[in-house]
PDB file of N, CA and C in Angstrom:
ATOM      1  N   UNK A   1     123.766 125.115 116.194  1.00  0.00           N
ATOM      2  CA  UNK A   1     123.875 124.230 115.105  1.00  0.00           C
ATOM      3  C   UNK A   1     123.254 125.076 113.876  1.00  0.00           C
ATOM      4  N   UNK A   2     123.956 125.082 112.803  1.00  0.00           N
ATOM      5  CA  UNK A   2     123.646 125.692 111.562  1.00  0.00           C
ATOM      6  C   UNK A   2     122.753 124.840 110.736  1.00  0.00           C
ATOM      7  N   UNK A   3     121.777 125.424 110.104  1.00  0.00           N
ATOM      8  CA  UNK A   3     120.859 124.629 109.094  1.00  0.00           C
ATOM      9  C   UNK A   3     121.470 124.355 107.803  1.00  0.00           C
ATOM     10  N   UNK A   4     121.537 123.318 107.199  1.00  0.00           N
ATOM     11  CA  UNK A   4     122.088 123.019 105.920  1.00  0.00           C
ATOM     12  C   UNK A   4     120.966 122.522 105.047  1.00  0.00           C
ATOM     13  N   UNK A   5     121.061 122.844 103.763  1.00  0.00           N
ATOM     14  CA  UNK A   5     120.045 122.424 102.750  1.00  0.00           C
ATOM     15  C   UNK A   5     120.022 120.775 102.796  1.00  0.00           C
ATOM     16  N   UNK A   6     118.909 120.121 102.807  1.00  0.00           N
ATOM     17  CA  UNK A   6     118.760 118.781 102.764  1.00  0.00           C
ATOM     18  C   UNK A   6     118.753 118.104 104.072  1.00  0.00           C
ATOM     19  N   UNK A   7     118.844 118.858 105.287  1.00  0.00           N
ATOM     20  CA  UNK A   7     118.849 118.150 106.464  1.00  0.00           C
ATOM     21  C   UNK A   7     117.391 117.731 106.785  1.00  0.00           C
ATOM     22  N   UNK A   8     117.237 116.593 107.340  1.00  0.00           N
ATOM     23  CA  UNK A   8     115.852 116.089 107.712  1.00  0.00           C
ATOM     24  C   UNK A   8     115.683 116.479 109.117  1.00  0.00           C
ATOM     25  N   UNK A   9     114.558 117.162 109.383  1.00  0.00           N
ATOM     26  CA  UNK A   9     114.141 117.561 110.674  1.00  0.00           C
ATOM     27  C   UNK A   9     112.710 117.043 110.867  1.00  0.00           C
ATOM     28  N   UNK A  10     112.612 116.774 112.207  1.00  0.00           N
ATOM     29  CA  UNK A  10     111.173 116.460 112.656  1.00  0.00           C
ATOM     30  C   UNK A  10     110.728 117.337 113.739  1.00  0.00           C
ATOM     31  N   UNK A  11     109.410 117.462 113.829  1.00  0.00           N
ATOM     32  CA  UNK A  11     108.821 118.254 114.928  1.00  0.00           C
ATOM     33  C   UNK A  11     107.497 117.444 115.284  1.00  0.00           C
ATOM     34  N   UNK A  12     107.176 117.675 116.577  1.00  0.00           N
ATOM     35  CA  UNK A  12     105.926 116.965 117.014  1.00  0.00           C
ATOM     36  C   UNK A  12     104.745 117.747 116.628  1.00  0.00           C
ATOM     37  N   UNK A  13     103.672 117.160 116.523  1.00  0.00           N
ATOM     38  CA  UNK A  13     102.434 117.829 116.255  1.00  0.00           C
ATOM     39  C   UNK A  13     101.561 117.831 117.554  1.00  0.00           C
ATOM     40  N   UNK A  14     102.262 117.416 118.586  1.00  0.00           N
ATOM     41  CA  UNK A  14     101.545 117.262 119.898  1.00  0.00           C
ATOM     42  C   UNK A  14     101.897 118.411 120.885  1.00  0.00           C
ATOM     43  N   UNK A  15     101.123 119.098 121.446  1.00  0.00           N
ATOM     44  CA  UNK A  15     101.395 120.308 122.389  1.00  0.00           C
ATOM     45  C   UNK A  15     100.762 119.948 123.753  1.00  0.00           C
ATOM     46  N   UNK A  16     101.420 119.985 124.765  1.00  0.00           N
ATOM     47  CA  UNK A  16     100.963 119.640 126.072  1.00  0.00           C
ATOM     48  C   UNK A  16     100.082 120.909 126.575  1.00  0.00           C
ATOM     49  N   UNK A  17      98.921 120.484 127.142  1.00  0.00           N
ATOM     50  CA  UNK A  17      98.024 121.481 127.654  1.00  0.00           C
ATOM     51  C   UNK A  17      98.572 121.883 129.075  1.00  0.00           C
ATOM     52  N   UNK A  18      98.116 122.841 129.538  1.00  0.00           N
ATOM     53  CA  UNK A  18      98.490 123.291 130.979  1.00  0.00           C
ATOM     54  C   UNK A  18      97.645 122.643 131.974  1.00  0.00           C
ATOM     55  N   UNK A  19      97.874 122.647 133.274  1.00  0.00           N
ATOM     56  CA  UNK A  19      97.204 122.037 134.310  1.00  0.00           C
ATOM     57  C   UNK A  19      95.634 122.418 134.208  1.00  0.00           C
ATOM     58  N   UNK A  20      95.294 123.598 133.622  1.00  0.00           N
ATOM     59  CA  UNK A  20      93.871 123.746 133.524  1.00  0.00           C
ATOM     60  C   UNK A  20      93.191 123.364 132.141  1.00  0.00           C
ATOM     61  N   UNK A  21      94.008 122.496 131.476  1.00  0.00           N
ATOM     62  CA  UNK A  21      93.486 121.869 130.385  1.00  0.00           C
ATOM     63  C   UNK A  21      93.595 122.741 128.969  1.00  0.00           C
ATOM     64  N   UNK A  22      94.011 124.039 129.235  1.00  0.00           N
ATOM     65  CA  UNK A  22      94.122 124.937 127.909  1.00  0.00           C
ATOM     66  C   UNK A  22      95.559 124.965 127.415  1.00  0.00           C
ATOM     67  N   UNK A  23      95.648 125.166 126.166  1.00  0.00           N
ATOM     68  CA  UNK A  23      96.902 125.210 125.525  1.00  0.00           C
ATOM     69  C   UNK A  23      97.460 126.584 125.744  1.00  0.00           C
ATOM     70  N   UNK A  24      98.693 126.624 126.052  1.00  0.00           N
ATOM     71  CA  UNK A  24      99.273 128.029 126.351  1.00  0.00           C
ATOM     72  C   UNK A  24      99.335 128.693 125.027  1.00  0.00           C
ATOM     73  N   UNK A  25      98.999 130.020 125.013  1.00  0.00           N
ATOM     74  CA  UNK A  25      98.946 130.886 123.823  1.00  0.00           C
ATOM     75  C   UNK A  25     100.264 130.689 122.928  1.00  0.00           C
ATOM     76  N   UNK A  26     101.409 130.721 123.618  1.00  0.00           N
ATOM     77  CA  UNK A  26     102.555 130.625 122.865  1.00  0.00           C
ATOM     78  C   UNK A  26     102.950 129.281 122.190  1.00  0.00           C
ATOM     79  N   UNK A  27     102.091 128.210 122.600  1.00  0.00           N
ATOM     80  CA  UNK A  27     102.309 126.965 121.996  1.00  0.00           C
ATOM     81  C   UNK A  27     101.685 126.939 120.535  1.00  0.00           C
ATOM     82  N   UNK A  28     100.770 127.763 120.172  1.00  0.00           N
ATOM     83  CA  UNK A  28     100.206 127.686 118.969  1.00  0.00           C
ATOM     84  C   UNK A  28     101.049 127.993 117.768  1.00  0.00           C
ATOM     85  N   UNK A  29     102.424 128.569 117.982  1.00  0.00           N
ATOM     86  CA  UNK A  29     103.231 128.814 117.117  1.00  0.00           C
ATOM     87  C   UNK A  29     103.904 127.505 116.470  1.00  0.00           C
ATOM     88  N   UNK A  30     103.698 126.337 117.348  1.00  0.00           N
ATOM     89  CA  UNK A  30     104.288 125.080 116.904  1.00  0.00           C
ATOM     90  C   UNK A  30     103.265 124.217 115.999  1.00  0.00           C
ATOM     91  N   UNK A  31     102.029 124.682 116.051  1.00  0.00           N
ATOM     92  CA  UNK A  31     101.047 123.851 115.414  1.00  0.00           C
ATOM     93  C   UNK A  31     101.074 124.027 113.823  1.00  0.00           C
ATOM     94  N   UNK A  32     101.088 122.969 113.119  1.00  0.00           N
ATOM     95  CA  UNK A  32     101.021 123.232 111.576  1.00  0.00           C
ATOM     96  C   UNK A  32     100.156 124.060 111.077  1.00  0.00           C
ATOM     97  N   UNK A  33     100.429 124.817 110.041  1.00  0.00           N
ATOM     98  CA  UNK A  33      99.652 125.892 109.494  1.00  0.00           C
ATOM     99  C   UNK A  33      98.328 125.412 108.994  1.00  0.00           C
ATOM    100  N   UNK A  34      98.225 124.224 108.373  1.00  0.00           N
ATOM    101  CA  UNK A  34      96.919 123.711 107.891  1.00  0.00           C
ATOM    102  C   UNK A  34      95.996 123.347 109.122  1.00  0.00           C
ATOM    103  N   UNK A  35      96.438 123.163 110.220  1.00  0.00           N
ATOM    104  CA  UNK A  35      95.643 122.861 111.399  1.00  0.00           C
ATOM    105  C   UNK A  35      95.313 124.241 112.186  1.00  0.00           C
ATOM    106  N   UNK A  36      96.448 124.990 112.315  1.00  0.00           N
ATOM    107  CA  UNK A  36      96.294 126.269 113.202  1.00  0.00           C
ATOM    108  C   UNK A  36      95.152 127.070 112.518  1.00  0.00           C
ATOM    109  N   UNK A  37      95.142 127.098 111.105  1.00  0.00           N
ATOM    110  CA  UNK A  37      94.139 128.124 110.618  1.00  0.00           C
ATOM    111  C   UNK A  37      92.725 127.663 110.933  1.00  0.00           C
ATOM    112  N   UNK A  38      92.482 126.454 111.446  1.00  0.00           N
ATOM    113  CA  UNK A  38      91.132 126.153 111.843  1.00  0.00           C
ATOM    114  C   UNK A  38      90.668 126.683 113.232  1.00  0.00           C
ATOM    115  N   UNK A  39      91.792 127.093 113.909  1.00  0.00           N
ATOM    116  CA  UNK A  39      91.559 127.624 115.240  1.00  0.00           C
ATOM    117  C   UNK A  39      92.090 129.078 115.636  1.00  0.00           C
ATOM    118  N   UNK A  40      92.656 129.466 114.645  1.00  0.00           N
ATOM    119  CA  UNK A  40      93.252 130.912 114.847  1.00  0.00           C
ATOM    120  C   UNK A  40      92.896 131.893 113.707  1.00  0.00           C
ATOM    121  N   UNK A  41      92.599 133.232 114.080  1.00  0.00           N
ATOM    122  CA  UNK A  41      92.550 134.204 112.956  1.00  0.00           C
ATOM    123  C   UNK A  41      93.773 134.196 112.162  1.00  0.00           C
ATOM    124  N   UNK A  42      93.751 134.764 110.868  1.00  0.00           N
ATOM    125  CA  UNK A  42      94.833 134.807 109.870  1.00  0.00           C
ATOM    126  C   UNK A  42      95.914 135.673 110.520  1.00  0.00           C
ATOM    127  N   UNK A  43      95.480 136.700 111.265  1.00  0.00           N
ATOM    128  CA  UNK A  43      96.467 137.619 111.899  1.00  0.00           C
ATOM    129  C   UNK A  43      97.232 136.988 113.088  1.00  0.00           C
ATOM    130  N   UNK A  44      96.740 136.009 113.583  1.00  0.00           N
ATOM    131  CA  UNK A  44      97.430 135.192 114.583  1.00  0.00           C
ATOM    132  C   UNK A  44      98.327 134.065 114.170  1.00  0.00           C
ATOM    133  N   UNK A  45      98.293 133.752 112.777  1.00  0.00           N
ATOM    134  CA  UNK A  45      99.215 132.721 112.275  1.00  0.00           C
ATOM    135  C   UNK A  45     100.606 133.369 112.050  1.00  0.00           C
ATOM    136  N   UNK A  46     101.775 132.542 112.279  1.00  0.00           N
ATOM    137  CA  UNK A  46     103.056 132.977 112.162  1.00  0.00           C
ATOM    138  C   UNK A  46     103.140 133.008 110.593  1.00  0.00           C
ATOM    139  N   UNK A  47     104.295 133.627 110.173  1.00  0.00           N
ATOM    140  CA  UNK A  47     104.624 133.715 108.795  1.00  0.00           C
ATOM    141  C   UNK A  47     104.847 132.245 108.345  1.00  0.00           C
ATOM    142  N   UNK A  48     105.508 131.363 109.045  1.00  0.00           N
ATOM    143  CA  UNK A  48     105.808 129.996 108.666  1.00  0.00           C
ATOM    144  C   UNK A  48     104.432 129.258 108.609  1.00  0.00           C
ATOM    145  N   UNK A  49     103.485 129.472 109.569  1.00  0.00           N
ATOM    146  CA  UNK A  49     102.143 128.763 109.460  1.00  0.00           C
ATOM    147  C   UNK A  49     101.523 129.257 108.057  1.00  0.00           C
ATOM    148  N   UNK A  50     101.544 130.492 107.837  1.00  0.00           N
ATOM    149  CA  UNK A  50     100.756 131.024 106.545  1.00  0.00           C
ATOM    150  C   UNK A  50     101.519 130.289 105.381  1.00  0.00           C
ATOM    151  N   UNK A  51     102.733 130.173 105.291  1.00  0.00           N
ATOM    152  CA  UNK A  51     103.318 129.551 104.103  1.00  0.00           C
ATOM    153  C   UNK A  51     103.112 128.001 104.128  1.00  0.00           C
ATOM    154  N   UNK A  52     103.109 127.431 105.273  1.00  0.00           N
ATOM    155  CA  UNK A  52     102.853 126.086 105.293  1.00  0.00           C
ATOM    156  C   UNK A  52     101.495 125.649 104.876  1.00  0.00           C
ATOM    157  N   UNK A  53     100.403 126.385 105.268  1.00  0.00           N
ATOM    158  CA  UNK A  53      99.035 126.084 104.954  1.00  0.00           C
ATOM    159  C   UNK A  53      98.816 126.191 103.480  1.00  0.00           C
ATOM    160  N   UNK A  54      99.512 127.091 102.780  1.00  0.00           N
ATOM    161  CA  UNK A  54      99.345 127.219 101.437  1.00  0.00           C
ATOM    162  C   UNK A  54     100.006 125.937 100.595  1.00  0.00           C
ATOM    163  N   UNK A  55     100.801 125.260 101.211  1.00  0.00           N
ATOM    164  CA  UNK A  55     101.333 124.042 100.719  1.00  0.00           C
ATOM    165  C   UNK A  55     100.244 123.010 100.347  1.00  0.00           C
ATOM    166  N   UNK A  56      99.099 123.029 101.106  1.00  0.00           N
ATOM    167  CA  UNK A  56      98.055 122.144 101.051  1.00  0.00           C
ATOM    168  C   UNK A  56      96.760 122.642 100.266  1.00  0.00           C
ATOM    169  N   UNK A  57      96.883 123.954  99.883  1.00  0.00           N
ATOM    170  CA  UNK A  57      95.714 124.454  99.088  1.00  0.00           C
ATOM    171  C   UNK A  57      95.806 124.097  97.732  1.00  0.00           C
ATOM    172  N   UNK A  58      94.590 124.052  97.157  1.00  0.00           N
ATOM    173  CA  UNK A  58      94.515 123.719  95.588  1.00  0.00           C
ATOM    174  C   UNK A  58      94.661 124.840  94.831  1.00  0.00           C
ATOM    175  N   UNK A  59      95.318 124.754  93.803  1.00  0.00           N
ATOM    176  CA  UNK A  59      95.478 125.873  92.746  1.00  0.00           C
ATOM    177  C   UNK A  59      94.065 126.171  92.116  1.00  0.00           C
ATOM    178  N   UNK A  60      93.638 127.308  91.990  1.00  0.00           N
ATOM    179  CA  UNK A  60      92.347 127.585  91.334  1.00  0.00           C
ATOM    180  C   UNK A  60      92.543 127.388  89.771  1.00  0.00           C
ATOM    181  N   UNK A  61      93.606 127.224  89.249  1.00  0.00           N
ATOM    182  CA  UNK A  61      93.648 127.069  87.718  1.00  0.00           C
ATOM    183  C   UNK A  61      93.718 125.493  87.437  1.00  0.00           C
ATOM    184  N   UNK A  62      94.673 124.877  88.049  1.00  0.00           N
ATOM    185  CA  UNK A  62      94.745 123.329  87.761  1.00  0.00           C
ATOM    186  C   UNK A  62      94.313 122.341  88.826  1.00  0.00           C
ATOM    187  N   UNK A  63      93.944 122.888  89.965  1.00  0.00           N
ATOM    188  CA  UNK A  63      93.324 122.125  90.918  1.00  0.00           C
ATOM    189  C   UNK A  63      94.362 121.125  91.823  1.00  0.00           C
ATOM    190  N   UNK A  64      95.635 121.261  91.513  1.00  0.00           N
ATOM    191  CA  UNK A  64      96.608 120.483  92.339  1.00  0.00           C
ATOM    192  C   UNK A  64      97.141 121.331  93.541  1.00  0.00           C
ATOM    193  N   UNK A  65      97.510 120.635  94.580  1.00  0.00           N
ATOM    194  CA  UNK A  65      98.098 121.322  95.675  1.00  0.00           C
ATOM    195  C   UNK A  65      99.466 121.837  95.470  1.00  0.00           C
ATOM    196  N   UNK A  66      99.858 122.716  96.331  1.00  0.00           N
ATOM    197  CA  UNK A  66     101.369 123.353  96.135  1.00  0.00           C
ATOM    198  C   UNK A  66     102.412 122.179  96.117  1.00  0.00           C
ATOM    199  N   UNK A  67     102.174 121.180  96.963  1.00  0.00           N
ATOM    200  CA  UNK A  67     103.032 120.160  97.125  1.00  0.00           C
ATOM    201  C   UNK A  67     102.966 119.326  95.735  1.00  0.00           C
ATOM    202  N   UNK A  68     101.875 119.130  95.197  1.00  0.00           N
ATOM    203  CA  UNK A  68     101.986 118.352  93.852  1.00  0.00           C
ATOM    204  C   UNK A  68     102.564 119.105  92.783  1.00  0.00           C
ATOM    205  N   UNK A  69     102.318 120.418  92.750  1.00  0.00           N
ATOM    206  CA  UNK A  69     102.939 121.334  91.677  1.00  0.00           C
ATOM    207  C   UNK A  69     104.407 121.394  91.831  1.00  0.00           C
ATOM    208  N   UNK A  70     104.934 121.616  93.116  1.00  0.00           N
ATOM    209  CA  UNK A  70     106.307 121.625  93.355  1.00  0.00           C
ATOM    210  C   UNK A  70     106.983 120.268  93.075  1.00  0.00           C
ATOM    211  N   UNK A  71     106.338 119.084  93.316  1.00  0.00           N
ATOM    212  CA  UNK A  71     107.058 117.883  93.174  1.00  0.00           C
ATOM    213  C   UNK A  71     106.926 117.419  91.649  1.00  0.00           C
ATOM    214  N   UNK A  72     105.759 117.653  91.099  1.00  0.00           N
ATOM    215  CA  UNK A  72     105.488 117.143  89.673  1.00  0.00           C
ATOM    216  C   UNK A  72     105.425 118.212  88.508  1.00  0.00           C
ATOM    217  N   UNK A  73     105.435 119.570  88.889  1.00  0.00           N
ATOM    218  CA  UNK A  73     105.434 120.589  87.966  1.00  0.00           C
ATOM    219  C   UNK A  73     103.973 120.771  87.466  1.00  0.00           C
ATOM    220  N   UNK A  74     103.718 121.713  86.483  1.00  0.00           N
ATOM    221  CA  UNK A  74     102.476 121.912  85.924  1.00  0.00           C
ATOM    222  C   UNK A  74     102.745 122.576  84.516  1.00  0.00           C
ATOM    223  N   UNK A  75     102.005 122.115  83.469  1.00  0.00           N
ATOM    224  CA  UNK A  75     102.156 122.719  82.110  1.00  0.00           C
ATOM    225  C   UNK A  75     100.963 123.481  81.808  1.00  0.00           C
ATOM    226  N   UNK A  76     100.026 123.790  82.690  1.00  0.00           N
ATOM    227  CA  UNK A  76      98.977 124.652  82.345  1.00  0.00           C
ATOM    228  C   UNK A  76      99.555 126.007  82.083  1.00  0.00           C
ATOM    229  N   UNK A  77      99.078 126.670  80.873  1.00  0.00           N
ATOM    230  CA  UNK A  77      99.683 127.926  80.518  1.00  0.00           C
ATOM    231  C   UNK A  77      99.600 128.933  81.647  1.00  0.00           C
ATOM    232  N   UNK A  78      98.401 129.050  82.217  1.00  0.00           N
ATOM    233  CA  UNK A  78      98.270 130.290  83.175  1.00  0.00           C
ATOM    234  C   UNK A  78      98.979 129.841  84.565  1.00  0.00           C
ATOM    235  N   UNK A  79      99.246 128.564  84.830  1.00  0.00           N
ATOM    236  CA  UNK A  79     100.069 128.324  86.028  1.00  0.00           C
ATOM    237  C   UNK A  79     101.569 128.714  85.611  1.00  0.00           C
ATOM    238  N   UNK A  80     101.801 128.373  84.380  1.00  0.00           N
ATOM    239  CA  UNK A  80     103.356 128.712  84.046  1.00  0.00           C
ATOM    240  C   UNK A  80     103.662 130.177  84.026  1.00  0.00           C
ATOM    241  N   UNK A  81     102.447 130.970  83.673  1.00  0.00           N
ATOM    242  CA  UNK A  81     102.796 132.404  83.771  1.00  0.00           C
ATOM    243  C   UNK A  81     103.124 132.945  85.071  1.00  0.00           C
ATOM    244  N   UNK A  82     102.687 132.115  86.141  1.00  0.00           N
ATOM    245  CA  UNK A  82     102.942 132.601  87.503  1.00  0.00           C
ATOM    246  C   UNK A  82     104.347 132.069  87.988  1.00  0.00           C
ATOM    247  N   UNK A  83     104.904 131.375  87.136  1.00  0.00           N
ATOM    248  CA  UNK A  83     106.380 130.898  87.515  1.00  0.00           C
ATOM    249  C   UNK A  83     106.386 129.566  87.940  1.00  0.00           C
ATOM    250  N   UNK A  84     105.396 128.791  87.749  1.00  0.00           N
ATOM    251  CA  UNK A  84     105.402 127.499  88.171  1.00  0.00           C
ATOM    252  C   UNK A  84     106.360 126.552  87.268  1.00  0.00           C
ATOM    253  N   UNK A  85     107.082 125.731  87.845  1.00  0.00           N
ATOM    254  CA  UNK A  85     108.037 124.898  87.185  1.00  0.00           C
ATOM    255  C   UNK A  85     107.256 123.883  86.162  1.00  0.00           C
ATOM    256  N   UNK A  86     107.831 123.673  85.098  1.00  0.00           N
ATOM    257  CA  UNK A  86     107.197 122.754  84.136  1.00  0.00           C
ATOM    258  C   UNK A  86     107.183 121.293  84.479  1.00  0.00           C
ATOM    259  N   UNK A  87     106.584 120.340  83.980  1.00  0.00           N
ATOM    260  CA  UNK A  87     106.541 119.021  84.389  1.00  0.00           C
ATOM    261  C   UNK A  87     107.811 118.379  84.030  1.00  0.00           C
ATOM    262  N   UNK A  88     108.454 118.900  82.921  1.00  0.00           N
ATOM    263  CA  UNK A  88     109.855 118.461  82.512  1.00  0.00           C
ATOM    264  C   UNK A  88     110.961 118.863  83.496  1.00  0.00           C
ATOM    265  N   UNK A  89     110.939 120.115  83.951  1.00  0.00           N
ATOM    266  CA  UNK A  89     111.839 120.702  84.826  1.00  0.00           C
ATOM    267  C   UNK A  89     111.653 120.070  86.148  1.00  0.00           C
ATOM    268  N   UNK A  90     110.459 119.768  86.663  1.00  0.00           N
ATOM    269  CA  UNK A  90     110.227 119.126  87.762  1.00  0.00           C
ATOM    270  C   UNK A  90     110.799 117.662  87.888  1.00  0.00           C
ATOM    271  N   UNK A  91     110.590 116.988  86.691  1.00  0.00           N
ATOM    272  CA  UNK A  91     111.146 115.679  86.609  1.00  0.00           C
ATOM    273  C   UNK A  91     112.675 115.655  86.613  1.00  0.00           C
ATOM    274  N   UNK A  92     113.303 116.674  86.014  1.00  0.00           N
ATOM    275  CA  UNK A  92     114.754 116.835  85.996  1.00  0.00           C
ATOM    276  C   UNK A  92     115.271 117.042  87.501  1.00  0.00           C
ATOM    277  N   UNK A  93     114.588 117.962  88.227  1.00  0.00           N
ATOM    278  CA  UNK A  93     115.057 118.085  89.606  1.00  0.00           C
ATOM    279  C   UNK A  93     114.802 117.058  90.394  1.00  0.00           C
ATOM    280  N   UNK A  94     113.882 116.194  90.307  1.00  0.00           N
ATOM    281  CA  UNK A  94     113.660 114.965  91.091  1.00  0.00           C
ATOM    282  C   UNK A  94     114.775 113.952  90.792  1.00  0.00           C
ATOM    283  N   UNK A  95     115.194 113.859  89.472  1.00  0.00           N
ATOM    284  CA  UNK A  95     116.312 112.966  89.098  1.00  0.00           C
ATOM    285  C   UNK A  95     117.610 113.384  89.670  1.00  0.00           C
ATOM    286  N   UNK A  96     117.701 114.609  89.829  1.00  0.00           N
ATOM    287  CA  UNK A  96     118.956 115.143  90.397  1.00  0.00           C
ATOM    288  C   UNK A  96     119.236 115.081  91.892  1.00  0.00           C
ATOM    289  N   UNK A  97     118.145 114.806  92.606  1.00  0.00           N
ATOM    290  CA  UNK A  97     118.187 114.504  94.159  1.00  0.00           C
ATOM    291  C   UNK A  97     119.009 113.419  94.366  1.00  0.00           C
ATOM    292  N   UNK A  98     119.880 113.637  95.617  1.00  0.00           N
ATOM    293  CA  UNK A  98     120.623 112.458  95.901  1.00  0.00           C
ATOM    294  C   UNK A  98     119.726 111.338  96.572  1.00  0.00           C
ATOM    295  N   UNK A  99     120.150 110.310  96.446  1.00  0.00           N
ATOM    296  CA  UNK A  99     119.428 109.020  96.853  1.00  0.00           C
ATOM    297  C   UNK A  99     119.977 108.686  98.129  1.00  0.00           C
ATOM    298  N   UNK A 100     119.212 108.133  99.003  1.00  0.00           N
ATOM    299  CA  UNK A 100     119.506 107.629 100.286  1.00  0.00           C
ATOM    300  C   UNK A 100     120.310 106.321 100.066  1.00  0.00           C
ATOM    301  N   UNK A 101     121.482 106.079 100.922  1.00  0.00           N
ATOM    302  CA  UNK A 101     122.206 104.928 100.843  1.00  0.00           C
ATOM    303  C   UNK A 101     122.142 104.075 102.019  1.00  0.00           C
TER     304      UNK A 101
END
């Protein structure tokens, strides 16, 4: 199955422990990044987990999370220097999204 933009996908945040009660080492790759970082060293996080955890970190300039900035934009000059989308551009992108029917 090929992935297409806009597809909705779900994954479980539940991992089954083995008979000994321990989580299999390879199961950690399925744990969301913001949770995995509490239990693993940075070098053990997958690239996907590292990217995902940054989505919930707060910007040191404006204090918003990556999600909030992506969704609503930011007009702080120093954030804008880093390529952050403006509030106006974010609003335009939201308005262009297809709506569910």
